């Protein structure tokens, strides 16, 4: 079995440096945030007109990092808010998500995460 020397009977124990562990942890965090933003974008894309939907897909496809992806999602949410004056619950959710993305993702994450 490949990697048998790392298997203790229950799990694989692979030693990595602290720095590599931190990089791996950051990568997982970025992937998690990216997945959440992608789900939010998909939810909003269903109600956007064709122009804004295509703009969102093109922007997301060209995004090189999580900050650029966040900008795409915020643009989609803003476009939806501008075109639809919905009930307070739907508008509140859109506003809350936009604030979280703007205040956490765009301000706190490095602009060029690896």
PDB file of N, CA and C in Angstrom:
ATOM      1  N   UNK A   1       0.849  -1.185   0.000  1.00  0.00           N
ATOM      2  CA  UNK A   1       0.000   0.000   0.000  1.00  0.00           C
ATOM      3  C   UNK A   1       0.890   1.242   0.000  1.00  0.00           C
ATOM      4  N   UNK A   2       0.686   2.145  -0.971  1.00  0.00           N
ATOM      5  CA  UNK A   2       1.483   3.373  -0.974  1.00  0.00           C
ATOM      6  C   UNK A   2       1.190   4.198   0.276  1.00  0.00           C
ATOM      7  N   UNK A   3       2.227   4.719   0.892  1.00  0.00           N
ATOM      8  CA  UNK A   3       2.061   5.538   2.089  1.00  0.00           C
ATOM      9  C   UNK A   3       1.850   4.727   3.351  1.00  0.00           C
ATOM     10  N   UNK A   4       2.125   3.418   3.308  1.00  0.00           N
ATOM     11  CA  UNK A   4       1.887   2.559   4.470  1.00  0.00           C
ATOM     12  C   UNK A   4       2.693   3.003   5.684  1.00  0.00           C
ATOM     13  N   UNK A   5       3.871   3.576   5.458  1.00  0.00           N
ATOM     14  CA  UNK A   5       4.701   4.007   6.581  1.00  0.00           C
ATOM     15  C   UNK A   5       4.055   5.146   7.362  1.00  0.00           C
ATOM     16  N   UNK A   6       3.071   5.833   6.779  1.00  0.00           N
ATOM     17  CA  UNK A   6       2.392   6.940   7.457  1.00  0.00           C
ATOM     18  C   UNK A   6       1.079   6.511   8.114  1.00  0.00           C
ATOM     19  N   UNK A   7       0.664   5.271   7.897  1.00  0.00           N
ATOM     20  CA  UNK A   7      -0.630   4.799   8.398  1.00  0.00           C
ATOM     21  C   UNK A   7      -0.443   4.147   9.759  1.00  0.00           C
ATOM     22  N   UNK A   8      -1.223   4.577  10.767  1.00  0.00           N
ATOM     23  CA  UNK A   8      -1.084   4.028  12.120  1.00  0.00           C
ATOM     24  C   UNK A   8      -2.210   3.061  12.486  1.00  0.00           C
ATOM     25  N   UNK A   9      -2.985   2.638  11.521  1.00  0.00           N
ATOM     26  CA  UNK A   9      -4.086   1.726  11.777  1.00  0.00           C
ATOM     27  C   UNK A   9      -5.445   2.403  11.716  1.00  0.00           C
ATOM     28  N   UNK A  10      -5.477   3.711  11.946  1.00  0.00           N
ATOM     29  CA  UNK A  10      -6.732   4.464  11.911  1.00  0.00           C
ATOM     30  C   UNK A  10      -6.694   5.617  10.921  1.00  0.00           C
ATOM     31  N   UNK A  11      -5.558   6.224  10.793  1.00  0.00           N
ATOM     32  CA  UNK A  11      -5.464   7.428   9.954  1.00  0.00           C
ATOM     33  C   UNK A  11      -4.053   7.567   9.405  1.00  0.00           C
ATOM     34  N   UNK A  12      -3.927   8.441   8.401  1.00  0.00           N
ATOM     35  CA  UNK A  12      -2.615   8.778   7.861  1.00  0.00           C
ATOM     36  C   UNK A  12      -2.018   9.916   8.679  1.00  0.00           C
ATOM     37  N   UNK A  13      -0.777   9.777   9.072  1.00  0.00           N
ATOM     38  CA  UNK A  13      -0.054  10.837   9.777  1.00  0.00           C
ATOM     39  C   UNK A  13       1.066  11.320   8.874  1.00  0.00           C
ATOM     40  N   UNK A  14       0.831  12.431   8.219  1.00  0.00           N
ATOM     41  CA  UNK A  14       1.827  12.987   7.310  1.00  0.00           C
ATOM     42  C   UNK A  14       2.377  14.250   7.942  1.00  0.00           C
ATOM     43  N   UNK A  15       3.664  14.271   8.163  1.00  0.00           N
ATOM     44  CA  UNK A  15       4.291  15.425   8.802  1.00  0.00           C
ATOM     45  C   UNK A  15       4.547  16.517   7.764  1.00  0.00           C
ATOM     46  N   UNK A  16       4.104  17.726   8.116  1.00  0.00           N
ATOM     47  CA  UNK A  16       4.388  18.889   7.283  1.00  0.00           C
ATOM     48  C   UNK A  16       4.829  20.019   8.197  1.00  0.00           C
ATOM     49  N   UNK A  17       5.496  20.982   7.623  1.00  0.00           N
ATOM     50  CA  UNK A  17       5.963  22.115   8.424  1.00  0.00           C
ATOM     51  C   UNK A  17       4.775  22.961   8.873  1.00  0.00           C
ATOM     52  N   UNK A  18       5.005  23.753   9.908  1.00  0.00           N
ATOM     53  CA  UNK A  18       3.960  24.652  10.400  1.00  0.00           C
ATOM     54  C   UNK A  18       3.531  25.612   9.303  1.00  0.00           C
ATOM     55  N   UNK A  19       4.500  26.126   8.559  1.00  0.00           N
ATOM     56  CA  UNK A  19       4.193  27.062   7.471  1.00  0.00           C
ATOM     57  C   UNK A  19       3.308  26.405   6.413  1.00  0.00           C
ATOM     58  N   UNK A  20       3.631  25.173   6.041  1.00  0.00           N
ATOM     59  CA  UNK A  20       2.824  24.455   5.050  1.00  0.00           C
ATOM     60  C   UNK A  20       1.427  24.177   5.600  1.00  0.00           C
ATOM     61  N   UNK A  21       1.329  23.893   6.892  1.00  0.00           N
ATOM     62  CA  UNK A  21       0.029  23.670   7.521  1.00  0.00           C
ATOM     63  C   UNK A  21      -0.831  24.918   7.494  1.00  0.00           C
ATOM     64  N   UNK A  22      -0.221  26.060   7.761  1.00  0.00           N
ATOM     65  CA  UNK A  22      -0.949  27.331   7.722  1.00  0.00           C
ATOM     66  C   UNK A  22      -1.420  27.628   6.306  1.00  0.00           C
ATOM     67  N   UNK A  23      -0.556  27.395   5.320  1.00  0.00           N
ATOM     68  CA  UNK A  23      -0.940  27.616   3.924  1.00  0.00           C
ATOM     69  C   UNK A  23      -2.102  26.708   3.523  1.00  0.00           C
ATOM     70  N   UNK A  24      -2.064  25.460   3.965  1.00  0.00           N
ATOM     71  CA  UNK A  24      -3.141  24.521   3.663  1.00  0.00           C
ATOM     72  C   UNK A  24      -4.445  24.976   4.317  1.00  0.00           C
ATOM     73  N   UNK A  25      -4.362  25.394   5.572  1.00  0.00           N
ATOM     74  CA  UNK A  25      -5.533  25.890   6.297  1.00  0.00           C
ATOM     75  C   UNK A  25      -6.114  27.116   5.602  1.00  0.00           C
ATOM     76  N   UNK A  26      -5.262  28.068   5.186  1.00  0.00           N
ATOM     77  CA  UNK A  26      -5.732  29.261   4.473  1.00  0.00           C
ATOM     78  C   UNK A  26      -6.426  28.872   3.174  1.00  0.00           C
ATOM     79  N   UNK A  27      -5.857  27.918   2.471  1.00  0.00           N
ATOM     80  CA  UNK A  27      -6.446  27.464   1.210  1.00  0.00           C
ATOM     81  C   UNK A  27      -7.852  26.918   1.451  1.00  0.00           C
ATOM     82  N   UNK A  28      -8.012  26.136   2.523  1.00  0.00           N
ATOM     83  CA  UNK A  28      -9.331  25.576   2.834  1.00  0.00           C
ATOM     84  C   UNK A  28     -10.317  26.677   3.200  1.00  0.00           C
ATOM     85  N   UNK A  29      -9.861  27.669   3.956  1.00  0.00           N
ATOM     86  CA  UNK A  29     -10.734  28.787   4.331  1.00  0.00           C
ATOM     87  C   UNK A  29     -11.167  29.543   3.082  1.00  0.00           C
ATOM     88  N   UNK A  30     -10.219  29.842   2.190  1.00  0.00           N
ATOM     89  CA  UNK A  30     -10.549  30.558   0.957  1.00  0.00           C
ATOM     90  C   UNK A  30     -11.527  29.756   0.107  1.00  0.00           C
ATOM     91  N   UNK A  31     -11.324  28.444   0.033  1.00  0.00           N
ATOM     92  CA  UNK A  31     -12.240  27.615  -0.747  1.00  0.00           C
ATOM     93  C   UNK A  31     -13.637  27.613  -0.136  1.00  0.00           C
ATOM     94  N   UNK A  32     -13.722  27.588   1.178  1.00  0.00           N
ATOM     95  CA  UNK A  32     -15.018  27.627   1.852  1.00  0.00           C
ATOM     96  C   UNK A  32     -15.754  28.926   1.590  1.00  0.00           C
ATOM     97  N   UNK A  33     -15.049  30.044   1.740  1.00  0.00           N
ATOM     98  CA  UNK A  33     -15.656  31.351   1.487  1.00  0.00           C
ATOM     99  C   UNK A  33     -16.057  31.467   0.021  1.00  0.00           C
ATOM    100  N   UNK A  34     -15.194  30.984  -0.859  1.00  0.00           N
ATOM    101  CA  UNK A  34     -15.486  31.027  -2.289  1.00  0.00           C
ATOM    102  C   UNK A  34     -16.740  30.213  -2.619  1.00  0.00           C
ATOM    103  N   UNK A  35     -16.895  29.067  -1.991  1.00  0.00           N
ATOM    104  CA  UNK A  35     -18.077  28.229  -2.225  1.00  0.00           C
ATOM    105  C   UNK A  35     -19.350  28.923  -1.763  1.00  0.00           C
ATOM    106  N   UNK A  36     -19.279  29.577  -0.603  1.00  0.00           N
ATOM    107  CA  UNK A  36     -20.447  30.304  -0.096  1.00  0.00           C
ATOM    108  C   UNK A  36     -20.811  31.440  -1.046  1.00  0.00           C
ATOM    109  N   UNK A  37     -19.795  32.198  -1.489  1.00  0.00           N
ATOM    110  CA  UNK A  37     -20.068  33.303  -2.416  1.00  0.00           C
ATOM    111  C   UNK A  37     -20.627  32.790  -3.735  1.00  0.00           C
ATOM    112  N   UNK A  38     -20.126  31.658  -4.194  1.00  0.00           N
ATOM    113  CA  UNK A  38     -20.621  31.079  -5.440  1.00  0.00           C
ATOM    114  C   UNK A  38     -22.093  30.679  -5.309  1.00  0.00           C
ATOM    115  N   UNK A  39     -22.457  30.118  -4.169  1.00  0.00           N
ATOM    116  CA  UNK A  39     -23.857  29.741  -3.943  1.00  0.00           C
ATOM    117  C   UNK A  39     -24.752  30.977  -3.902  1.00  0.00           C
ATOM    118  N   UNK A  40     -24.273  32.036  -3.264  1.00  0.00           N
ATOM    119  CA  UNK A  40     -25.038  33.287  -3.201  1.00  0.00           C
ATOM    120  C   UNK A  40     -25.194  33.869  -4.602  1.00  0.00           C
ATOM    121  N   UNK A  41     -24.102  33.856  -5.376  1.00  0.00           N
ATOM    122  CA  UNK A  41     -24.155  34.391  -6.740  1.00  0.00           C
ATOM    123  C   UNK A  41     -25.132  33.593  -7.593  1.00  0.00           C
ATOM    124  N   UNK A  42     -25.112  32.279  -7.445  1.00  0.00           N
ATOM    125  CA  UNK A  42     -26.027  31.439  -8.227  1.00  0.00           C
ATOM    126  C   UNK A  42     -27.476  31.756  -7.867  1.00  0.00           C
ATOM    127  N   UNK A  43     -27.731  31.946  -6.585  1.00  0.00           N
ATOM    128  CA  UNK A  43     -29.092  32.268  -6.133  1.00  0.00           C
ATOM    129  C   UNK A  43     -29.558  33.593  -6.732  1.00  0.00           C
ATOM    130  N   UNK A  44     -28.678  34.577  -6.749  1.00  0.00           N
ATOM    131  CA  UNK A  44     -29.046  35.890  -7.280  1.00  0.00           C
ATOM    132  C   UNK A  44     -29.110  35.889  -8.807  1.00  0.00           C
ATOM    133  N   UNK A  45     -28.302  35.060  -9.449  1.00  0.00           N
ATOM    134  CA  UNK A  45     -28.268  35.026 -10.914  1.00  0.00           C
ATOM    135  C   UNK A  45     -29.607  34.601 -11.504  1.00  0.00           C
ATOM    136  N   UNK A  46     -30.340  33.779 -10.770  1.00  0.00           N
ATOM    137  CA  UNK A  46     -31.631  33.294 -11.267  1.00  0.00           C
ATOM    138  C   UNK A  46     -32.631  34.424 -11.477  1.00  0.00           C
ATOM    139  N   UNK A  47     -32.484  35.521 -10.733  1.00  0.00           N
ATOM    140  CA  UNK A  47     -33.444  36.621 -10.832  1.00  0.00           C
ATOM    141  C   UNK A  47     -32.904  37.812 -11.621  1.00  0.00           C
ATOM    142  N   UNK A  48     -31.646  37.735 -12.062  1.00  0.00           N
ATOM    143  CA  UNK A  48     -31.066  38.839 -12.838  1.00  0.00           C
ATOM    144  C   UNK A  48     -31.510  38.762 -14.291  1.00  0.00           C
ATOM    145  N   UNK A  49     -31.502  39.907 -14.957  1.00  0.00           N
ATOM    146  CA  UNK A  49     -31.772  39.878 -16.393  1.00  0.00           C
ATOM    147  C   UNK A  49     -30.548  39.302 -17.107  1.00  0.00           C
ATOM    148  N   UNK A  50     -30.701  39.025 -18.383  1.00  0.00           N
ATOM    149  CA  UNK A  50     -29.648  38.328 -19.126  1.00  0.00           C
ATOM    150  C   UNK A  50     -28.331  39.100 -19.138  1.00  0.00           C
ATOM    151  N   UNK A  51     -28.396  40.408 -19.281  1.00  0.00           N
ATOM    152  CA  UNK A  51     -27.184  41.229 -19.316  1.00  0.00           C
ATOM    153  C   UNK A  51     -26.382  41.074 -18.023  1.00  0.00           C
ATOM    154  N   UNK A  52     -27.043  41.261 -16.881  1.00  0.00           N
ATOM    155  CA  UNK A  52     -26.345  41.185 -15.596  1.00  0.00           C
ATOM    156  C   UNK A  52     -25.912  39.756 -15.273  1.00  0.00           C
ATOM    157  N   UNK A  53     -26.696  38.773 -15.682  1.00  0.00           N
ATOM    158  CA  UNK A  53     -26.327  37.376 -15.453  1.00  0.00           C
ATOM    159  C   UNK A  53     -25.055  37.033 -16.228  1.00  0.00           C
ATOM    160  N   UNK A  54     -24.999  37.435 -17.509  1.00  0.00           N
ATOM    161  CA  UNK A  54     -23.794  37.182 -18.304  1.00  0.00           C
ATOM    162  C   UNK A  54     -22.593  37.938 -17.754  1.00  0.00           C
ATOM    163  N   UNK A  55     -22.841  39.157 -17.287  1.00  0.00           N
ATOM    164  CA  UNK A  55     -21.766  39.955 -16.687  1.00  0.00           C
ATOM    165  C   UNK A  55     -21.214  39.255 -15.441  1.00  0.00           C
ATOM    166  N   UNK A  56     -22.106  38.701 -14.616  1.00  0.00           N
ATOM    167  CA  UNK A  56     -21.691  37.973 -13.415  1.00  0.00           C
ATOM    168  C   UNK A  56     -20.871  36.743 -13.784  1.00  0.00           C
ATOM    169  N   UNK A  57     -21.351  35.948 -14.738  1.00  0.00           N
ATOM    170  CA  UNK A  57     -20.642  34.730 -15.119  1.00  0.00           C
ATOM    171  C   UNK A  57     -19.266  35.045 -15.701  1.00  0.00           C
ATOM    172  N   UNK A  58     -19.191  36.070 -16.538  1.00  0.00           N
ATOM    173  CA  UNK A  58     -17.912  36.443 -17.134  1.00  0.00           C
ATOM    174  C   UNK A  58     -16.949  36.954 -16.063  1.00  0.00           C
ATOM    175  N   UNK A  59     -17.452  37.792 -15.174  1.00  0.00           N
ATOM    176  CA  UNK A  59     -16.631  38.334 -14.093  1.00  0.00           C
ATOM    177  C   UNK A  59     -16.114  37.206 -13.199  1.00  0.00           C
ATOM    178  N   UNK A  60     -16.990  36.286 -12.816  1.00  0.00           N
ATOM    179  CA  UNK A  60     -16.604  35.174 -11.943  1.00  0.00           C
ATOM    180  C   UNK A  60     -15.593  34.260 -12.622  1.00  0.00           C
ATOM    181  N   UNK A  61     -15.793  34.021 -13.900  1.00  0.00           N
ATOM    182  CA  UNK A  61     -14.883  33.149 -14.644  1.00  0.00           C
ATOM    183  C   UNK A  61     -13.483  33.755 -14.727  1.00  0.00           C
ATOM    184  N   UNK A  62     -13.407  35.086 -14.830  1.00  0.00           N
ATOM    185  CA  UNK A  62     -12.118  35.759 -14.953  1.00  0.00           C
ATOM    186  C   UNK A  62     -11.479  36.105 -13.612  1.00  0.00           C
ATOM    187  N   UNK A  63     -12.201  35.902 -12.510  1.00  0.00           N
ATOM    188  CA  UNK A  63     -11.666  36.241 -11.184  1.00  0.00           C
ATOM    189  C   UNK A  63     -10.466  35.348 -10.865  1.00  0.00           C
ATOM    190  N   UNK A  64      -9.374  35.982 -10.472  1.00  0.00           N
ATOM    191  CA  UNK A  64      -8.144  35.260 -10.169  1.00  0.00           C
ATOM    192  C   UNK A  64      -8.002  34.914  -8.690  1.00  0.00           C
ATOM    193  N   UNK A  65      -8.769  35.595  -7.836  1.00  0.00           N
ATOM    194  CA  UNK A  65      -8.678  35.333  -6.402  1.00  0.00           C
ATOM    195  C   UNK A  65     -10.017  35.621  -5.743  1.00  0.00           C
ATOM    196  N   UNK A  66     -10.063  35.405  -4.456  1.00  0.00           N
ATOM    197  CA  UNK A  66     -11.320  35.520  -3.710  1.00  0.00           C
ATOM    198  C   UNK A  66     -11.827  36.956  -3.650  1.00  0.00           C
ATOM    199  N   UNK A  67     -10.930  37.922  -3.644  1.00  0.00           N
ATOM    200  CA  UNK A  67     -11.335  39.329  -3.588  1.00  0.00           C
ATOM    201  C   UNK A  67     -12.027  39.728  -4.887  1.00  0.00           C
ATOM    202  N   UNK A  68     -11.480  39.315  -6.017  1.00  0.00           N
ATOM    203  CA  UNK A  68     -12.117  39.605  -7.305  1.00  0.00           C
ATOM    204  C   UNK A  68     -13.472  38.903  -7.402  1.00  0.00           C
ATOM    205  N   UNK A  69     -13.555  37.681  -6.885  1.00  0.00           N
ATOM    206  CA  UNK A  69     -14.831  36.965  -6.894  1.00  0.00           C
ATOM    207  C   UNK A  69     -15.851  37.704  -6.031  1.00  0.00           C
ATOM    208  N   UNK A  70     -15.411  38.216  -4.892  1.00  0.00           N
ATOM    209  CA  UNK A  70     -16.314  38.966  -4.009  1.00  0.00           C
ATOM    210  C   UNK A  70     -16.854  40.207  -4.712  1.00  0.00           C
ATOM    211  N   UNK A  71     -16.007  40.884  -5.469  1.00  0.00           N
ATOM    212  CA  UNK A  71     -16.460  42.067  -6.210  1.00  0.00           C
ATOM    213  C   UNK A  71     -17.541  41.692  -7.221  1.00  0.00           C
ATOM    214  N   UNK A  72     -17.372  40.555  -7.876  1.00  0.00           N
ATOM    215  CA  UNK A  72     -18.378  40.097  -8.842  1.00  0.00           C
ATOM    216  C   UNK A  72     -19.718  39.846  -8.155  1.00  0.00           C
ATOM    217  N   UNK A  73     -19.677  39.199  -7.001  1.00  0.00           N
ATOM    218  CA  UNK A  73     -20.910  38.886  -6.275  1.00  0.00           C
ATOM    219  C   UNK A  73     -21.588  40.163  -5.794  1.00  0.00           C
ATOM    220  N   UNK A  74     -20.803  41.103  -5.283  1.00  0.00           N
ATOM    221  CA  UNK A  74     -21.374  42.372  -4.816  1.00  0.00           C
ATOM    222  C   UNK A  74     -22.030  43.116  -5.976  1.00  0.00           C
ATOM    223  N   UNK A  75     -21.395  43.114  -7.146  1.00  0.00           N
ATOM    224  CA  UNK A  75     -21.994  43.764  -8.319  1.00  0.00           C
ATOM    225  C   UNK A  75     -23.330  43.113  -8.673  1.00  0.00           C
ATOM    226  N   UNK A  76     -23.398  41.789  -8.591  1.00  0.00           N
ATOM    227  CA  UNK A  76     -24.647  41.086  -8.906  1.00  0.00           C
ATOM    228  C   UNK A  76     -25.733  41.424  -7.889  1.00  0.00           C
ATOM    229  N   UNK A  77     -25.369  41.474  -6.624  1.00  0.00           N
ATOM    230  CA  UNK A  77     -26.349  41.810  -5.585  1.00  0.00           C
ATOM    231  C   UNK A  77     -26.823  43.245  -5.759  1.00  0.00           C
ATOM    232  N   UNK A  78     -25.885  44.152  -6.056  1.00  0.00           N
ATOM    233  CA  UNK A  78     -26.264  45.549  -6.282  1.00  0.00           C
ATOM    234  C   UNK A  78     -27.181  45.681  -7.496  1.00  0.00           C
ATOM    235  N   UNK A  79     -26.884  44.926  -8.558  1.00  0.00           N
ATOM    236  CA  UNK A  79     -27.726  44.974  -9.762  1.00  0.00           C
ATOM    237  C   UNK A  79     -29.127  44.467  -9.444  1.00  0.00           C
ATOM    238  N   UNK A  80     -29.206  43.418  -8.652  1.00  0.00           N
ATOM    239  CA  UNK A  80     -30.513  42.872  -8.283  1.00  0.00           C
ATOM    240  C   UNK A  80     -31.276  43.882  -7.434  1.00  0.00           C
ATOM    241  N   UNK A  81     -30.591  44.503  -6.474  1.00  0.00           N
ATOM    242  CA  UNK A  81     -31.246  45.478  -5.596  1.00  0.00           C
ATOM    243  C   UNK A  81     -31.733  46.685  -6.384  1.00  0.00           C
ATOM    244  N   UNK A  82     -30.979  47.086  -7.388  1.00  0.00           N
ATOM    245  CA  UNK A  82     -31.352  48.255  -8.189  1.00  0.00           C
ATOM    246  C   UNK A  82     -32.574  47.965  -9.065  1.00  0.00           C
ATOM    247  N   UNK A  83     -32.710  46.724  -9.520  1.00  0.00           N
ATOM    248  CA  UNK A  83     -33.787  46.388 -10.450  1.00  0.00           C
ATOM    249  C   UNK A  83     -35.053  45.905  -9.768  1.00  0.00           C
ATOM    250  N   UNK A  84     -34.915  45.470  -8.523  1.00  0.00           N
ATOM    251  CA  UNK A  84     -36.080  44.922  -7.835  1.00  0.00           C
ATOM    252  C   UNK A  84     -36.265  45.624  -6.501  1.00  0.00           C
ATOM    253  N   UNK A  85     -37.419  46.217  -6.319  1.00  0.00           N
ATOM    254  CA  UNK A  85     -37.750  46.697  -4.983  1.00  0.00           C
ATOM    255  C   UNK A  85     -38.656  45.636  -4.395  1.00  0.00           C
ATOM    256  N   UNK A  86     -38.044  44.784  -3.602  1.00  0.00           N
ATOM    257  CA  UNK A  86     -38.752  43.611  -3.090  1.00  0.00           C
ATOM    258  C   UNK A  86     -39.262  43.852  -1.683  1.00  0.00           C
ATOM    259  N   UNK A  87     -39.854  42.838  -1.139  1.00  0.00           N
ATOM    260  CA  UNK A  87     -40.318  42.931   0.244  1.00  0.00           C
ATOM    261  C   UNK A  87     -39.108  43.122   1.150  1.00  0.00           C
ATOM    262  N   UNK A  88     -39.324  43.619   2.327  1.00  0.00           N
ATOM    263  CA  UNK A  88     -38.221  43.967   3.220  1.00  0.00           C
ATOM    264  C   UNK A  88     -37.352  42.766   3.563  1.00  0.00           C
ATOM    265  N   UNK A  89     -37.905  41.559   3.639  1.00  0.00           N
ATOM    266  CA  UNK A  89     -37.113  40.381   3.993  1.00  0.00           C
ATOM    267  C   UNK A  89     -36.084  40.071   2.914  1.00  0.00           C
ATOM    268  N   UNK A  90     -36.502  40.021   1.652  1.00  0.00           N
ATOM    269  CA  UNK A  90     -35.570  39.734   0.566  1.00  0.00           C
ATOM    270  C   UNK A  90     -34.523  40.811   0.418  1.00  0.00           C
ATOM    271  N   UNK A  91     -34.933  42.053   0.536  1.00  0.00           N
ATOM    272  CA  UNK A  91     -33.992  43.154   0.416  1.00  0.00           C
ATOM    273  C   UNK A  91     -33.039  43.167   1.598  1.00  0.00           C
ATOM    274  N   UNK A  92     -33.543  42.834   2.802  1.00  0.00           N
ATOM    275  CA  UNK A  92     -32.690  42.786   3.985  1.00  0.00           C
ATOM    276  C   UNK A  92     -31.612  41.733   3.819  1.00  0.00           C
ATOM    277  N   UNK A  93     -31.993  40.534   3.317  1.00  0.00           N
ATOM    278  CA  UNK A  93     -31.014  39.470   3.128  1.00  0.00           C
ATOM    279  C   UNK A  93     -29.939  39.899   2.141  1.00  0.00           C
ATOM    280  N   UNK A  94     -30.337  40.496   1.020  1.00  0.00           N
ATOM    281  CA  UNK A  94     -29.371  40.961   0.025  1.00  0.00           C
ATOM    282  C   UNK A  94     -28.438  41.997   0.620  1.00  0.00           C
ATOM    283  N   UNK A  95     -28.988  42.924   1.385  1.00  0.00           N
ATOM    284  CA  UNK A  95     -28.180  43.969   2.001  1.00  0.00           C
ATOM    285  C   UNK A  95     -27.224  43.370   3.018  1.00  0.00           C
ATOM    286  N   UNK A  96     -27.695  42.421   3.820  1.00  0.00           N
ATOM    287  CA  UNK A  96     -26.847  41.799   4.833  1.00  0.00           C
ATOM    288  C   UNK A  96     -25.693  41.039   4.190  1.00  0.00           C
ATOM    289  N   UNK A  97     -25.975  40.278   3.146  1.00  0.00           N
ATOM    290  CA  UNK A  97     -24.923  39.531   2.455  1.00  0.00           C
ATOM    291  C   UNK A  97     -23.913  40.489   1.843  1.00  0.00           C
ATOM    292  N   UNK A  98     -24.392  41.545   1.213  1.00  0.00           N
ATOM    293  CA  UNK A  98     -23.493  42.534   0.617  1.00  0.00           C
ATOM    294  C   UNK A  98     -22.591  43.145   1.676  1.00  0.00           C
ATOM    295  N   UNK A  99     -23.147  43.491   2.820  1.00  0.00           N
ATOM    296  CA  UNK A  99     -22.344  44.085   3.890  1.00  0.00           C
ATOM    297  C   UNK A  99     -21.288  43.119   4.401  1.00  0.00           C
ATOM    298  N   UNK A 100     -21.644  41.851   4.564  1.00  0.00           N
ATOM    299  CA  UNK A 100     -20.671  40.861   5.025  1.00  0.00           C
ATOM    300  C   UNK A 100     -19.536  40.729   4.023  1.00  0.00           C
ATOM    301  N   UNK A 101     -19.875  40.611   2.751  1.00  0.00           N
ATOM    302  CA  UNK A 101     -18.834  40.455   1.733  1.00  0.00           C
ATOM    303  C   UNK A 101     -17.960  41.699   1.672  1.00  0.00           C
ATOM    304  N   UNK A 102     -18.579  42.871   1.669  1.00  0.00           N
ATOM    305  CA  UNK A 102     -17.794  44.105   1.587  1.00  0.00           C
ATOM    306  C   UNK A 102     -16.915  44.305   2.814  1.00  0.00           C
ATOM    307  N   UNK A 103     -17.477  44.114   4.000  1.00  0.00           N
ATOM    308  CA  UNK A 103     -16.747  44.425   5.218  1.00  0.00           C
ATOM    309  C   UNK A 103     -15.767  43.348   5.637  1.00  0.00           C
ATOM    310  N   UNK A 104     -16.044  42.092   5.335  1.00  0.00           N
ATOM    311  CA  UNK A 104     -15.124  41.047   5.737  1.00  0.00           C
ATOM    312  C   UNK A 104     -14.170  40.669   4.613  1.00  0.00           C
ATOM    313  N   UNK A 105     -14.719  40.235   3.513  1.00  0.00           N
ATOM    314  CA  UNK A 105     -13.888  39.693   2.439  1.00  0.00           C
ATOM    315  C   UNK A 105     -13.042  40.767   1.783  1.00  0.00           C
ATOM    316  N   UNK A 106     -13.657  41.857   1.368  1.00  0.00           N
ATOM    317  CA  UNK A 106     -12.918  42.857   0.606  1.00  0.00           C
ATOM    318  C   UNK A 106     -11.945  43.653   1.463  1.00  0.00           C
ATOM    319  N   UNK A 107     -12.195  43.789   2.761  1.00  0.00           N
ATOM    320  CA  UNK A 107     -11.315  44.601   3.600  1.00  0.00           C
ATOM    321  C   UNK A 107     -10.288  43.781   4.362  1.00  0.00           C
ATOM    322  N   UNK A 108     -10.602  42.536   4.740  1.00  0.00           N
ATOM    323  CA  UNK A 108      -9.739  41.787   5.638  1.00  0.00           C
ATOM    324  C   UNK A 108      -8.833  40.768   4.972  1.00  0.00           C
ATOM    325  N   UNK A 109      -9.181  40.317   3.791  1.00  0.00           N
ATOM    326  CA  UNK A 109      -8.338  39.326   3.141  1.00  0.00           C
ATOM    327  C   UNK A 109      -7.258  40.014   2.319  1.00  0.00           C
ATOM    328  N   UNK A 110      -6.109  39.361   2.186  1.00  0.00           N
ATOM    329  CA  UNK A 110      -5.062  39.931   1.336  1.00  0.00           C
ATOM    330  C   UNK A 110      -5.570  40.073  -0.092  1.00  0.00           C
ATOM    331  N   UNK A 111      -5.098  41.080  -0.791  1.00  0.00           N
ATOM    332  CA  UNK A 111      -5.595  41.319  -2.144  1.00  0.00           C
ATOM    333  C   UNK A 111      -5.102  40.280  -3.135  1.00  0.00           C
ATOM    334  N   UNK A 112      -4.067  39.548  -2.792  1.00  0.00           N
ATOM    335  CA  UNK A 112      -3.525  38.567  -3.718  1.00  0.00           C
ATOM    336  C   UNK A 112      -3.274  37.238  -3.017  1.00  0.00           C
ATOM    337  N   UNK A 113      -4.311  36.557  -2.481  1.00  0.00           N
ATOM    338  CA  UNK A 113      -4.089  35.287  -1.805  1.00  0.00           C
ATOM    339  C   UNK A 113      -3.621  34.233  -2.793  1.00  0.00           C
ATOM    340  N   UNK A 114      -2.782  33.355  -2.337  1.00  0.00           N
ATOM    341  CA  UNK A 114      -2.231  32.308  -3.206  1.00  0.00           C
ATOM    342  C   UNK A 114      -3.162  31.143  -3.287  1.00  0.00           C
TER     343      UNK A 114
END
